[in-house]
Amino acid sequence: MTRHKTAIVVGSLRRDSINRKVARSICAFASETLDSGIVEIGNLPLYSQDYDADPPEEYGRFRERIAAADGILFCTPEYNRGVPGVLKNAIDVGSRPYGKSVWDKKPAAIISASPGSIGGFGANHQLRQSCVFLNMPVMQQPEAYLSHVTDDKFDADGCLRDGPLKELVLNLATAFVDWVDLIVRSRRLLAEDAAHAEKDKKYALLSS
């Protein structure tokens, strides 16, 4: 299987964010199957349509990293039953200018983690709505609402300790690898079939 390049976008700016630690764990545990890295979003100026004509340098760097990825993994907390503002801003920045969205057609998965009991369910599904509009095929199963996630689940390096949560995150990472590979390979095969069909059509016209 090809080692696909994955951009991980974390919806929290807190240094010791549990979602950042989950993302860091995925980078460490799935390094053999995912070429993954966290794409920082805290330095992005708030989106304004005025920037479409003359974007800040931070916009360009962010868009380039997202555009270069084969797939996108979101790891986010839930703020007030919704997506954190910093993550919504990153989504808006990547979607503009109109018609040049870097999110378009990127396979994605969403993980939401929280110390609470519903595991960021509201943010997870609000983000799914945005991904649908952005034409991003989102992995449906397994769903990833990680509840009761606390700092003691991680070691001194910020990676998950052995236990049920680590196993769950490993399963999610494996499923995401398969999802990205499925979408990328399917598109390549469809493109090859279309090219063959066009070639056969031209041959038939020349032979008639």
N, C-alpha and C. Protein backbone atom coordinates (compact mmCIF):
# COMPACT_ATOMS: atom_id res chain seq x y z
N MET A 1 0.84 -1.20 0.00
CA MET A 1 0.00 0.00 0.00
C MET A 1 0.87 1.25 0.00
N THR A 2 0.48 2.24 -0.79
CA THR A 2 1.22 3.50 -0.85
C THR A 2 1.13 4.25 0.48
N ARG A 3 2.24 4.87 0.87
CA ARG A 3 2.26 5.66 2.11
C ARG A 3 1.79 7.07 1.76
N HIS A 4 0.51 7.32 2.00
CA HIS A 4 -0.10 8.58 1.59
C HIS A 4 0.26 9.72 2.54
N LYS A 5 0.32 10.92 1.96
CA LYS A 5 0.64 12.11 2.73
C LYS A 5 -0.63 12.68 3.34
N THR A 6 -0.63 12.86 4.64
CA THR A 6 -1.82 13.30 5.36
C THR A 6 -1.54 14.57 6.16
N ALA A 7 -2.42 15.55 6.02
CA ALA A 7 -2.35 16.76 6.83
C ALA A 7 -3.30 16.62 8.00
N ILE A 8 -2.80 16.82 9.20
CA ILE A 8 -3.64 16.76 10.40
C ILE A 8 -3.89 18.18 10.88
N VAL A 9 -5.17 18.53 11.01
CA VAL A 9 -5.56 19.87 11.44
C VAL A 9 -6.19 19.76 12.82
N VAL A 10 -5.58 20.42 13.80
CA VAL A 10 -6.04 20.35 15.19
C VAL A 10 -6.83 21.61 15.53
N GLY A 11 -8.03 21.43 16.05
CA GLY A 11 -8.91 22.56 16.32
C GLY A 11 -8.71 23.20 17.67
N SER A 12 -7.53 23.07 18.25
CA SER A 12 -7.25 23.68 19.55
C SER A 12 -5.86 24.31 19.51
N LEU A 13 -5.71 25.47 20.14
CA LEU A 13 -4.42 26.14 20.21
C LEU A 13 -3.69 25.86 21.52
N ARG A 14 -4.36 25.23 22.45
CA ARG A 14 -3.74 24.99 23.77
C ARG A 14 -2.54 24.06 23.63
N ARG A 15 -1.44 24.43 24.25
CA ARG A 15 -0.20 23.67 24.14
C ARG A 15 -0.38 22.21 24.55
N ASP A 16 -1.11 21.98 25.63
CA ASP A 16 -1.30 20.63 26.13
C ASP A 16 -2.68 20.07 25.77
N SER A 17 -3.23 20.53 24.68
CA SER A 17 -4.53 20.07 24.21
C SER A 17 -4.56 18.55 24.04
N ILE A 18 -5.62 17.92 24.53
CA ILE A 18 -5.72 16.47 24.37
C ILE A 18 -5.91 16.08 22.90
N ASN A 19 -6.54 16.95 22.13
CA ASN A 19 -6.69 16.66 20.71
C ASN A 19 -5.35 16.75 19.99
N ARG A 20 -4.49 17.67 20.39
CA ARG A 20 -3.15 17.73 19.84
C ARG A 20 -2.36 16.48 20.22
N LYS A 21 -2.56 16.00 21.41
CA LYS A 21 -1.87 14.78 21.84
C LYS A 21 -2.37 13.56 21.07
N VAL A 22 -3.66 13.51 20.80
CA VAL A 22 -4.20 12.42 19.97
C VAL A 22 -3.58 12.48 18.58
N ALA A 23 -3.50 13.70 18.02
CA ALA A 23 -2.89 13.87 16.69
C ALA A 23 -1.43 13.45 16.71
N ARG A 24 -0.72 13.83 17.76
CA ARG A 24 0.70 13.47 17.88
C ARG A 24 0.85 11.95 17.99
N SER A 25 -0.06 11.33 18.69
CA SER A 25 -0.03 9.87 18.83
C SER A 25 -0.21 9.19 17.48
N ILE A 26 -1.14 9.71 16.68
CA ILE A 26 -1.37 9.13 15.35
C ILE A 26 -0.12 9.28 14.50
N CYS A 27 0.52 10.44 14.54
CA CYS A 27 1.77 10.65 13.79
C CYS A 27 2.82 9.62 14.19
N ALA A 28 2.88 9.30 15.49
CA ALA A 28 3.90 8.35 15.97
C ALA A 28 3.54 6.91 15.67
N PHE A 29 2.28 6.53 15.91
CA PHE A 29 1.89 5.14 15.80
C PHE A 29 1.68 4.68 14.36
N ALA A 30 1.29 5.60 13.49
CA ALA A 30 0.96 5.21 12.11
C ALA A 30 2.02 5.67 11.11
N SER A 31 3.25 5.88 11.59
CA SER A 31 4.28 6.44 10.72
C SER A 31 4.64 5.52 9.55
N GLU A 32 4.42 4.21 9.70
CA GLU A 32 4.76 3.28 8.63
C GLU A 32 3.75 3.33 7.49
N THR A 33 2.54 3.79 7.77
CA THR A 33 1.49 3.80 6.74
C THR A 33 1.01 5.20 6.37
N LEU A 34 1.33 6.18 7.22
CA LEU A 34 0.93 7.55 6.94
C LEU A 34 2.13 8.49 7.03
N ASP A 35 2.32 9.29 6.00
CA ASP A 35 3.28 10.38 6.03
C ASP A 35 2.51 11.60 6.55
N SER A 36 2.42 11.71 7.86
CA SER A 36 1.51 12.69 8.46
C SER A 36 2.25 13.77 9.22
N GLY A 37 1.61 14.92 9.30
CA GLY A 37 2.15 16.03 10.08
C GLY A 37 1.04 17.00 10.42
N ILE A 38 1.20 17.69 11.54
CA ILE A 38 0.20 18.67 11.97
C ILE A 38 0.43 19.98 11.22
N VAL A 39 -0.65 20.49 10.62
CA VAL A 39 -0.59 21.79 9.93
C VAL A 39 -1.15 22.84 10.89
N GLU A 40 -0.30 23.75 11.30
CA GLU A 40 -0.70 24.74 12.30
C GLU A 40 -1.67 25.77 11.72
N ILE A 41 -2.64 26.19 12.53
CA ILE A 41 -3.66 27.12 12.07
C ILE A 41 -3.77 28.36 12.95
N GLY A 42 -3.01 28.42 14.03
CA GLY A 42 -3.15 29.52 14.98
C GLY A 42 -2.63 30.85 14.46
N ASN A 43 -1.79 30.83 13.42
CA ASN A 43 -1.22 32.07 12.91
C ASN A 43 -2.01 32.65 11.74
N LEU A 44 -3.14 32.03 11.37
CA LEU A 44 -3.91 32.51 10.23
C LEU A 44 -4.75 33.73 10.62
N PRO A 45 -4.56 34.86 9.94
CA PRO A 45 -5.44 36.01 10.20
C PRO A 45 -6.89 35.64 9.93
N LEU A 46 -7.81 36.29 10.66
CA LEU A 46 -9.22 36.04 10.45
C LEU A 46 -9.59 36.30 8.99
N TYR A 47 -10.34 35.37 8.42
CA TYR A 47 -10.65 35.48 7.00
C TYR A 47 -11.50 36.71 6.70
N SER A 48 -11.12 37.39 5.62
CA SER A 48 -11.91 38.48 5.06
C SER A 48 -11.84 38.36 3.55
N GLN A 49 -12.95 38.61 2.89
CA GLN A 49 -12.97 38.53 1.44
C GLN A 49 -12.00 39.53 0.80
N ASP A 50 -11.65 40.56 1.55
CA ASP A 50 -10.67 41.53 1.06
C ASP A 50 -9.33 40.86 0.76
N TYR A 51 -9.07 39.73 1.45
CA TYR A 51 -7.80 39.04 1.27
C TYR A 51 -7.76 38.17 0.00
N ASP A 52 -8.90 37.99 -0.67
CA ASP A 52 -8.92 37.12 -1.84
C ASP A 52 -7.98 37.65 -2.94
N ALA A 53 -7.92 38.94 -3.10
CA ALA A 53 -7.08 39.54 -4.14
C ALA A 53 -5.62 39.64 -3.71
N ASP A 54 -5.38 39.80 -2.42
CA ASP A 54 -4.01 39.97 -1.92
C ASP A 54 -3.88 39.24 -0.58
N PRO A 55 -3.74 37.90 -0.62
CA PRO A 55 -3.75 37.11 0.62
C PRO A 55 -2.48 37.26 1.44
N PRO A 56 -2.60 37.17 2.77
CA PRO A 56 -1.42 37.18 3.63
C PRO A 56 -0.53 35.96 3.32
N GLU A 57 0.76 36.08 3.64
CA GLU A 57 1.69 34.97 3.41
C GLU A 57 1.25 33.71 4.15
N GLU A 58 0.68 33.89 5.32
CA GLU A 58 0.25 32.73 6.11
C GLU A 58 -0.82 31.93 5.36
N TYR A 59 -1.69 32.61 4.63
CA TYR A 59 -2.71 31.93 3.85
C TYR A 59 -2.06 31.05 2.79
N GLY A 60 -1.07 31.60 2.10
CA GLY A 60 -0.42 30.87 1.02
C GLY A 60 0.27 29.61 1.53
N ARG A 61 0.99 29.71 2.64
CA ARG A 61 1.68 28.55 3.20
C ARG A 61 0.70 27.48 3.63
N PHE A 62 -0.38 27.90 4.29
CA PHE A 62 -1.39 26.95 4.75
C PHE A 62 -2.05 26.25 3.56
N ARG A 63 -2.45 27.00 2.56
CA ARG A 63 -3.12 26.42 1.39
C ARG A 63 -2.21 25.45 0.65
N GLU A 64 -0.92 25.77 0.57
CA GLU A 64 0.03 24.88 -0.10
C GLU A 64 0.14 23.53 0.62
N ARG A 65 0.18 23.56 1.94
CA ARG A 65 0.31 22.31 2.69
C ARG A 65 -0.94 21.45 2.58
N ILE A 66 -2.10 22.08 2.61
CA ILE A 66 -3.34 21.32 2.46
C ILE A 66 -3.45 20.76 1.04
N ALA A 67 -3.12 21.58 0.06
CA ALA A 67 -3.22 21.15 -1.34
C ALA A 67 -2.29 19.97 -1.63
N ALA A 68 -1.15 19.90 -0.95
CA ALA A 68 -0.18 18.85 -1.19
C ALA A 68 -0.55 17.52 -0.54
N ALA A 69 -1.53 17.53 0.34
CA ALA A 69 -1.91 16.31 1.08
C ALA A 69 -2.86 15.42 0.27
N ASP A 70 -2.72 14.12 0.48
CA ASP A 70 -3.65 13.16 -0.13
C ASP A 70 -4.94 13.06 0.67
N GLY A 71 -4.86 13.32 1.97
CA GLY A 71 -6.03 13.24 2.83
C GLY A 71 -5.89 14.17 4.02
N ILE A 72 -7.03 14.47 4.65
CA ILE A 72 -7.06 15.41 5.77
C ILE A 72 -7.68 14.73 6.99
N LEU A 73 -6.99 14.82 8.11
CA LEU A 73 -7.52 14.30 9.37
C LEU A 73 -7.73 15.46 10.33
N PHE A 74 -8.98 15.65 10.75
CA PHE A 74 -9.30 16.71 11.71
C PHE A 74 -9.36 16.11 13.12
N CYS A 75 -8.70 16.75 14.07
CA CYS A 75 -8.81 16.39 15.48
C CYS A 75 -9.27 17.64 16.23
N THR A 76 -10.45 17.58 16.80
CA THR A 76 -11.00 18.82 17.35
C THR A 76 -11.72 18.63 18.68
N PRO A 77 -11.62 19.64 19.55
CA PRO A 77 -12.50 19.69 20.72
C PRO A 77 -13.84 20.28 20.32
N GLU A 78 -14.73 20.35 21.27
CA GLU A 78 -16.03 20.99 21.06
C GLU A 78 -16.13 22.20 21.97
N TYR A 79 -16.44 23.36 21.38
CA TYR A 79 -16.66 24.58 22.17
C TYR A 79 -18.13 24.98 22.03
N ASN A 80 -18.84 24.99 23.13
CA ASN A 80 -20.24 25.44 23.12
C ASN A 80 -21.08 24.69 22.08
N ARG A 81 -20.88 23.39 22.03
CA ARG A 81 -21.62 22.49 21.13
C ARG A 81 -21.30 22.73 19.65
N GLY A 82 -20.12 23.31 19.38
CA GLY A 82 -19.77 23.58 17.99
C GLY A 82 -18.28 23.52 17.75
N VAL A 83 -17.91 23.84 16.52
CA VAL A 83 -16.51 23.83 16.08
C VAL A 83 -15.79 25.07 16.65
N PRO A 84 -14.58 24.92 17.18
CA PRO A 84 -13.83 26.08 17.65
C PRO A 84 -13.63 27.10 16.54
N GLY A 85 -13.64 28.38 16.91
CA GLY A 85 -13.52 29.45 15.92
C GLY A 85 -12.25 29.36 15.09
N VAL A 86 -11.14 28.94 15.71
CA VAL A 86 -9.87 28.88 14.98
C VAL A 86 -9.94 27.84 13.87
N LEU A 87 -10.66 26.75 14.10
CA LEU A 87 -10.80 25.72 13.07
C LEU A 87 -11.72 26.18 11.96
N LYS A 88 -12.82 26.83 12.32
CA LYS A 88 -13.73 27.36 11.29
C LYS A 88 -13.01 28.38 10.42
N ASN A 89 -12.15 29.20 11.03
CA ASN A 89 -11.39 30.17 10.26
C ASN A 89 -10.47 29.48 9.25
N ALA A 90 -9.80 28.40 9.69
CA ALA A 90 -8.91 27.65 8.79
C ALA A 90 -9.69 27.05 7.63
N ILE A 91 -10.86 26.53 7.91
CA ILE A 91 -11.70 25.98 6.85
C ILE A 91 -12.07 27.06 5.84
N ASP A 92 -12.44 28.24 6.35
CA ASP A 92 -12.81 29.35 5.46
C ASP A 92 -11.61 29.80 4.62
N VAL A 93 -10.45 29.89 5.24
CA VAL A 93 -9.25 30.31 4.52
C VAL A 93 -8.93 29.34 3.39
N GLY A 94 -9.02 28.03 3.68
CA GLY A 94 -8.71 27.03 2.67
C GLY A 94 -9.72 26.94 1.56
N SER A 95 -10.93 27.43 1.80
CA SER A 95 -12.00 27.31 0.81
C SER A 95 -12.02 28.46 -0.19
N ARG A 96 -11.23 29.48 0.03
CA ARG A 96 -11.26 30.68 -0.80
C ARG A 96 -9.94 30.84 -1.55
N PRO A 97 -9.86 31.64 -2.62
CA PRO A 97 -10.98 32.32 -3.28
C PRO A 97 -11.99 31.34 -3.89
N TYR A 98 -13.16 31.84 -4.21
CA TYR A 98 -14.22 31.00 -4.73
C TYR A 98 -13.74 30.24 -5.97
N GLY A 99 -14.00 28.93 -5.95
CA GLY A 99 -13.60 28.08 -7.08
C GLY A 99 -12.20 27.52 -6.96
N LYS A 100 -11.46 27.90 -5.90
CA LYS A 100 -10.08 27.43 -5.74
C LYS A 100 -9.86 26.78 -4.37
N SER A 101 -10.88 26.13 -3.86
CA SER A 101 -10.79 25.50 -2.54
C SER A 101 -9.75 24.39 -2.53
N VAL A 102 -8.86 24.43 -1.55
CA VAL A 102 -7.85 23.37 -1.43
C VAL A 102 -8.41 22.13 -0.73
N TRP A 103 -9.63 22.24 -0.21
CA TRP A 103 -10.27 21.09 0.42
C TRP A 103 -10.96 20.18 -0.59
N ASP A 104 -11.22 20.68 -1.78
CA ASP A 104 -12.05 19.98 -2.76
C ASP A 104 -11.54 18.57 -3.05
N LYS A 105 -12.42 17.59 -2.86
CA LYS A 105 -12.18 16.18 -3.18
C LYS A 105 -11.18 15.49 -2.26
N LYS A 106 -10.71 16.17 -1.22
CA LYS A 106 -9.76 15.53 -0.30
C LYS A 106 -10.48 14.55 0.63
N PRO A 107 -10.11 13.26 0.65
CA PRO A 107 -10.71 12.34 1.62
C PRO A 107 -10.36 12.79 3.04
N ALA A 108 -11.33 12.68 3.94
CA ALA A 108 -11.15 13.21 5.28
C ALA A 108 -11.71 12.28 6.34
N ALA A 109 -11.24 12.47 7.56
CA ALA A 109 -11.81 11.81 8.73
C ALA A 109 -11.81 12.81 9.87
N ILE A 110 -12.74 12.63 10.80
CA ILE A 110 -12.88 13.56 11.92
C ILE A 110 -12.82 12.80 13.24
N ILE A 111 -11.93 13.26 14.11
CA ILE A 111 -11.85 12.75 15.47
C ILE A 111 -12.14 13.91 16.41
N SER A 112 -13.05 13.70 17.33
CA SER A 112 -13.28 14.71 18.36
C SER A 112 -13.05 14.07 19.73
N ALA A 113 -12.27 14.74 20.55
CA ALA A 113 -11.94 14.20 21.88
C ALA A 113 -12.28 15.22 22.94
N SER A 114 -12.77 14.71 24.07
CA SER A 114 -13.22 15.61 25.14
C SER A 114 -13.14 14.90 26.48
N PRO A 115 -12.89 15.64 27.57
CA PRO A 115 -13.00 15.04 28.90
C PRO A 115 -14.45 14.71 29.24
N GLY A 116 -15.39 15.30 28.52
CA GLY A 116 -16.81 15.08 28.79
C GLY A 116 -17.30 13.74 28.27
N SER A 117 -18.60 13.51 28.48
CA SER A 117 -19.17 12.19 28.20
C SER A 117 -19.65 12.00 26.77
N ILE A 118 -19.80 13.08 25.98
CA ILE A 118 -20.31 12.89 24.62
C ILE A 118 -19.21 13.04 23.57
N GLY A 119 -17.98 13.23 24.01
CA GLY A 119 -16.84 13.14 23.10
C GLY A 119 -16.83 14.14 21.96
N GLY A 120 -17.35 15.34 22.19
CA GLY A 120 -17.33 16.34 21.14
C GLY A 120 -18.26 16.07 19.99
N PHE A 121 -19.36 15.39 20.26
CA PHE A 121 -20.32 14.98 19.22
C PHE A 121 -20.80 16.18 18.39
N GLY A 122 -21.12 17.29 19.06
CA GLY A 122 -21.66 18.45 18.35
C GLY A 122 -20.66 19.03 17.37
N ALA A 123 -19.41 19.20 17.79
CA ALA A 123 -18.38 19.73 16.90
C ALA A 123 -18.11 18.77 15.76
N ASN A 124 -18.10 17.49 16.06
CA ASN A 124 -17.84 16.47 15.05
C ASN A 124 -18.84 16.57 13.90
N HIS A 125 -20.11 16.68 14.25
CA HIS A 125 -21.14 16.70 13.20
C HIS A 125 -21.27 18.06 12.53
N GLN A 126 -20.96 19.12 13.24
CA GLN A 126 -20.95 20.43 12.60
C GLN A 126 -19.84 20.48 11.56
N LEU A 127 -18.69 19.90 11.89
CA LEU A 127 -17.58 19.85 10.95
C LEU A 127 -17.91 18.97 9.74
N ARG A 128 -18.65 17.90 9.97
CA ARG A 128 -19.07 17.04 8.86
C ARG A 128 -19.95 17.82 7.87
N GLN A 129 -20.80 18.69 8.38
CA GLN A 129 -21.64 19.49 7.49
C GLN A 129 -20.78 20.36 6.57
N SER A 130 -19.75 20.98 7.14
CA SER A 130 -18.87 21.81 6.33
C SER A 130 -18.14 20.96 5.29
N CYS A 131 -17.70 19.77 5.69
CA CYS A 131 -16.97 18.91 4.76
C CYS A 131 -17.85 18.47 3.58
N VAL A 132 -19.11 18.22 3.85
CA VAL A 132 -20.04 17.86 2.78
C VAL A 132 -20.12 18.98 1.77
N PHE A 133 -20.28 20.22 2.25
CA PHE A 133 -20.36 21.37 1.35
C PHE A 133 -19.06 21.56 0.58
N LEU A 134 -17.94 21.26 1.23
CA LEU A 134 -16.63 21.46 0.60
C LEU A 134 -16.25 20.32 -0.34
N ASN A 135 -17.16 19.36 -0.53
CA ASN A 135 -16.94 18.24 -1.46
C ASN A 135 -15.80 17.33 -1.00
N MET A 136 -15.77 17.09 0.31
CA MET A 136 -14.77 16.20 0.89
C MET A 136 -15.43 14.88 1.29
N PRO A 137 -15.04 13.77 0.69
CA PRO A 137 -15.59 12.48 1.11
C PRO A 137 -15.09 12.13 2.51
N VAL A 138 -16.00 12.08 3.48
CA VAL A 138 -15.63 11.87 4.88
C VAL A 138 -15.87 10.42 5.27
N MET A 139 -14.88 9.83 5.93
CA MET A 139 -15.00 8.46 6.43
C MET A 139 -16.18 8.37 7.40
N GLN A 140 -17.11 7.47 7.15
CA GLN A 140 -18.30 7.35 7.99
C GLN A 140 -18.11 6.41 9.18
N GLN A 141 -17.37 5.35 8.98
CA GLN A 141 -17.15 4.37 10.04
C GLN A 141 -15.68 3.98 10.08
N PRO A 142 -15.14 3.77 11.27
CA PRO A 142 -15.77 3.95 12.57
C PRO A 142 -15.88 5.44 12.93
N GLU A 143 -16.97 5.78 13.64
CA GLU A 143 -17.12 7.14 14.14
C GLU A 143 -16.16 7.34 15.31
N ALA A 144 -15.78 8.58 15.53
CA ALA A 144 -14.73 8.84 16.51
C ALA A 144 -15.10 9.96 17.45
N TYR A 145 -15.90 9.64 18.45
CA TYR A 145 -16.21 10.58 19.53
C TYR A 145 -15.51 10.04 20.78
N LEU A 146 -14.35 10.57 21.09
CA LEU A 146 -13.55 10.05 22.19
C LEU A 146 -13.93 10.78 23.48
N SER A 147 -14.57 10.08 24.37
CA SER A 147 -15.05 10.69 25.62
C SER A 147 -14.16 10.33 26.79
N HIS A 148 -14.28 11.14 27.85
CA HIS A 148 -13.53 10.93 29.10
C HIS A 148 -12.02 10.84 28.84
N VAL A 149 -11.53 11.66 27.93
CA VAL A 149 -10.09 11.68 27.63
C VAL A 149 -9.43 12.70 28.55
N THR A 150 -8.52 12.24 29.37
CA THR A 150 -7.85 13.11 30.33
C THR A 150 -6.34 12.99 30.18
N ASP A 151 -5.61 13.91 30.78
CA ASP A 151 -4.16 13.97 30.60
C ASP A 151 -3.45 12.70 31.05
N ASP A 152 -4.03 11.98 32.01
CA ASP A 152 -3.36 10.78 32.49
C ASP A 152 -3.39 9.62 31.49
N LYS A 153 -4.08 9.81 30.37
CA LYS A 153 -4.10 8.79 29.32
C LYS A 153 -2.85 8.87 28.44
N PHE A 154 -2.01 9.91 28.67
CA PHE A 154 -0.84 10.14 27.83
C PHE A 154 0.44 10.04 28.65
N ASP A 155 1.53 9.67 27.96
CA ASP A 155 2.82 9.58 28.65
C ASP A 155 3.52 10.94 28.64
N ALA A 156 4.77 10.95 29.10
CA ALA A 156 5.51 12.22 29.23
C ALA A 156 5.78 12.86 27.87
N ASP A 157 5.77 12.07 26.81
CA ASP A 157 6.00 12.59 25.46
C ASP A 157 4.70 13.05 24.79
N GLY A 158 3.59 12.92 25.50
CA GLY A 158 2.31 13.35 24.95
C GLY A 158 1.67 12.33 24.03
N CYS A 159 2.11 11.08 24.09
CA CYS A 159 1.51 10.01 23.29
C CYS A 159 0.66 9.12 24.18
N LEU A 160 -0.34 8.50 23.58
CA LEU A 160 -1.26 7.66 24.35
C LEU A 160 -0.55 6.47 25.00
N ARG A 161 -0.90 6.22 26.25
CA ARG A 161 -0.40 5.04 26.94
C ARG A 161 -1.14 3.80 26.43
N ASP A 162 -0.56 2.64 26.67
CA ASP A 162 -1.23 1.39 26.30
C ASP A 162 -2.57 1.29 27.02
N GLY A 163 -3.56 0.83 26.30
CA GLY A 163 -4.89 0.70 26.88
C GLY A 163 -5.96 0.79 25.82
N PRO A 164 -7.22 0.72 26.22
CA PRO A 164 -8.33 0.72 25.26
C PRO A 164 -8.36 1.95 24.36
N LEU A 165 -8.04 3.13 24.90
CA LEU A 165 -8.09 4.35 24.09
C LEU A 165 -7.03 4.30 22.99
N LYS A 166 -5.84 3.85 23.33
CA LYS A 166 -4.78 3.72 22.33
C LYS A 166 -5.19 2.75 21.24
N GLU A 167 -5.77 1.62 21.62
CA GLU A 167 -6.21 0.64 20.63
C GLU A 167 -7.28 1.22 19.71
N LEU A 168 -8.19 2.00 20.29
CA LEU A 168 -9.24 2.63 19.49
C LEU A 168 -8.65 3.61 18.48
N VAL A 169 -7.72 4.43 18.93
CA VAL A 169 -7.10 5.41 18.04
C VAL A 169 -6.29 4.71 16.95
N LEU A 170 -5.62 3.62 17.28
CA LEU A 170 -4.89 2.85 16.28
C LEU A 170 -5.84 2.29 15.23
N ASN A 171 -6.98 1.79 15.66
CA ASN A 171 -7.99 1.28 14.72
C ASN A 171 -8.52 2.39 13.82
N LEU A 172 -8.72 3.57 14.39
CA LEU A 172 -9.18 4.71 13.61
C LEU A 172 -8.14 5.10 12.56
N ALA A 173 -6.88 5.12 12.97
CA ALA A 173 -5.81 5.47 12.04
C ALA A 173 -5.72 4.46 10.91
N THR A 174 -5.85 3.18 11.24
CA THR A 174 -5.81 2.14 10.21
C THR A 174 -6.97 2.29 9.23
N ALA A 175 -8.16 2.56 9.77
CA ALA A 175 -9.33 2.75 8.91
C ALA A 175 -9.15 3.96 8.01
N PHE A 176 -8.54 5.01 8.54
CA PHE A 176 -8.32 6.22 7.74
C PHE A 176 -7.33 5.96 6.61
N VAL A 177 -6.27 5.21 6.90
CA VAL A 177 -5.32 4.83 5.86
C VAL A 177 -6.04 4.12 4.72
N ASP A 178 -6.88 3.16 5.08
CA ASP A 178 -7.64 2.40 4.07
C ASP A 178 -8.58 3.32 3.29
N TRP A 179 -9.19 4.28 3.98
CA TRP A 179 -10.14 5.20 3.33
C TRP A 179 -9.43 6.08 2.30
N VAL A 180 -8.32 6.66 2.70
CA VAL A 180 -7.57 7.51 1.77
C VAL A 180 -7.10 6.69 0.57
N ASP A 181 -6.59 5.50 0.84
CA ASP A 181 -6.11 4.64 -0.25
C ASP A 181 -7.24 4.28 -1.20
N LEU A 182 -8.41 3.98 -0.66
CA LEU A 182 -9.57 3.63 -1.49
C LEU A 182 -9.95 4.78 -2.41
N ILE A 183 -10.05 5.98 -1.85
CA ILE A 183 -10.45 7.15 -2.65
C ILE A 183 -9.40 7.47 -3.72
N VAL A 184 -8.14 7.48 -3.33
CA VAL A 184 -7.07 7.82 -4.27
C VAL A 184 -6.98 6.80 -5.40
N ARG A 185 -7.01 5.50 -5.04
CA ARG A 185 -6.91 4.46 -6.07
C ARG A 185 -8.13 4.47 -6.98
N SER A 186 -9.32 4.66 -6.41
CA SER A 186 -10.55 4.67 -7.22
C SER A 186 -10.52 5.79 -8.24
N ARG A 187 -10.05 6.95 -7.82
CA ARG A 187 -9.98 8.08 -8.75
C ARG A 187 -8.96 7.83 -9.85
N ARG A 188 -7.86 7.20 -9.50
CA ARG A 188 -6.85 6.89 -10.51
C ARG A 188 -7.38 5.90 -11.53
N LEU A 189 -8.09 4.87 -11.05
CA LEU A 189 -8.65 3.87 -11.96
C LEU A 189 -9.73 4.47 -12.85
N LEU A 190 -10.56 5.35 -12.29
CA LEU A 190 -11.59 6.01 -13.10
C LEU A 190 -10.95 6.88 -14.18
N ALA A 191 -9.87 7.57 -13.82
CA ALA A 191 -9.18 8.40 -14.80
C ALA A 191 -8.58 7.55 -15.91
N GLU A 192 -8.02 6.39 -15.54
CA GLU A 192 -7.44 5.49 -16.54
C GLU A 192 -8.52 4.92 -17.45
N ASP A 193 -9.67 4.55 -16.87
CA ASP A 193 -10.78 4.03 -17.67
C ASP A 193 -11.29 5.09 -18.65
N ALA A 194 -11.38 6.34 -18.18
CA ALA A 194 -11.85 7.43 -19.05
C ALA A 194 -10.87 7.66 -20.19
N ALA A 195 -9.56 7.57 -19.87
CA ALA A 195 -8.55 7.76 -20.91
C ALA A 195 -8.61 6.65 -21.94
N HIS A 196 -8.82 5.40 -21.48
CA HIS A 196 -8.94 4.27 -22.41
C HIS A 196 -10.18 4.40 -23.28
N ALA A 197 -11.27 4.84 -22.66
CA ALA A 197 -12.52 5.00 -23.41
C ALA A 197 -12.37 6.06 -24.50
N GLU A 198 -11.67 7.15 -24.16
CA GLU A 198 -11.45 8.21 -25.14
C GLU A 198 -10.56 7.72 -26.28
N LYS A 199 -9.56 6.93 -25.91
CA LYS A 199 -8.65 6.38 -26.93
C LYS A 199 -9.41 5.43 -27.86
N ASP A 200 -10.26 4.57 -27.29
CA ASP A 200 -11.04 3.65 -28.09
C ASP A 200 -12.02 4.39 -29.00
N LYS A 201 -12.58 5.47 -28.49
CA LYS A 201 -13.51 6.28 -29.29
C LYS A 201 -12.81 6.88 -30.51
N LYS A 202 -11.60 7.41 -30.28
CA LYS A 202 -10.86 7.99 -31.38
C LYS A 202 -10.47 6.94 -32.40
N TYR A 203 -10.09 5.74 -31.91
CA TYR A 203 -9.73 4.65 -32.82
C TYR A 203 -10.91 4.21 -33.65
N ALA A 204 -12.10 4.15 -33.01
CA ALA A 204 -13.30 3.76 -33.73
C ALA A 204 -13.65 4.77 -34.82
N LEU A 205 -13.46 6.07 -34.52
CA LEU A 205 -13.76 7.11 -35.51
C LEU A 205 -12.79 7.04 -36.69
N LEU A 206 -11.53 6.74 -36.40
CA LEU A 206 -10.55 6.65 -37.47
C LEU A 206 -10.77 5.41 -38.35
N SER A 207 -11.35 4.35 -37.73
CA SER A 207 -11.54 3.09 -38.44
C SER A 207 -12.84 3.10 -39.25
N SER A 208 -13.74 4.02 -38.96
CA SER A 208 -15.06 4.03 -39.62
C SER A 208 -15.00 4.68 -40.99
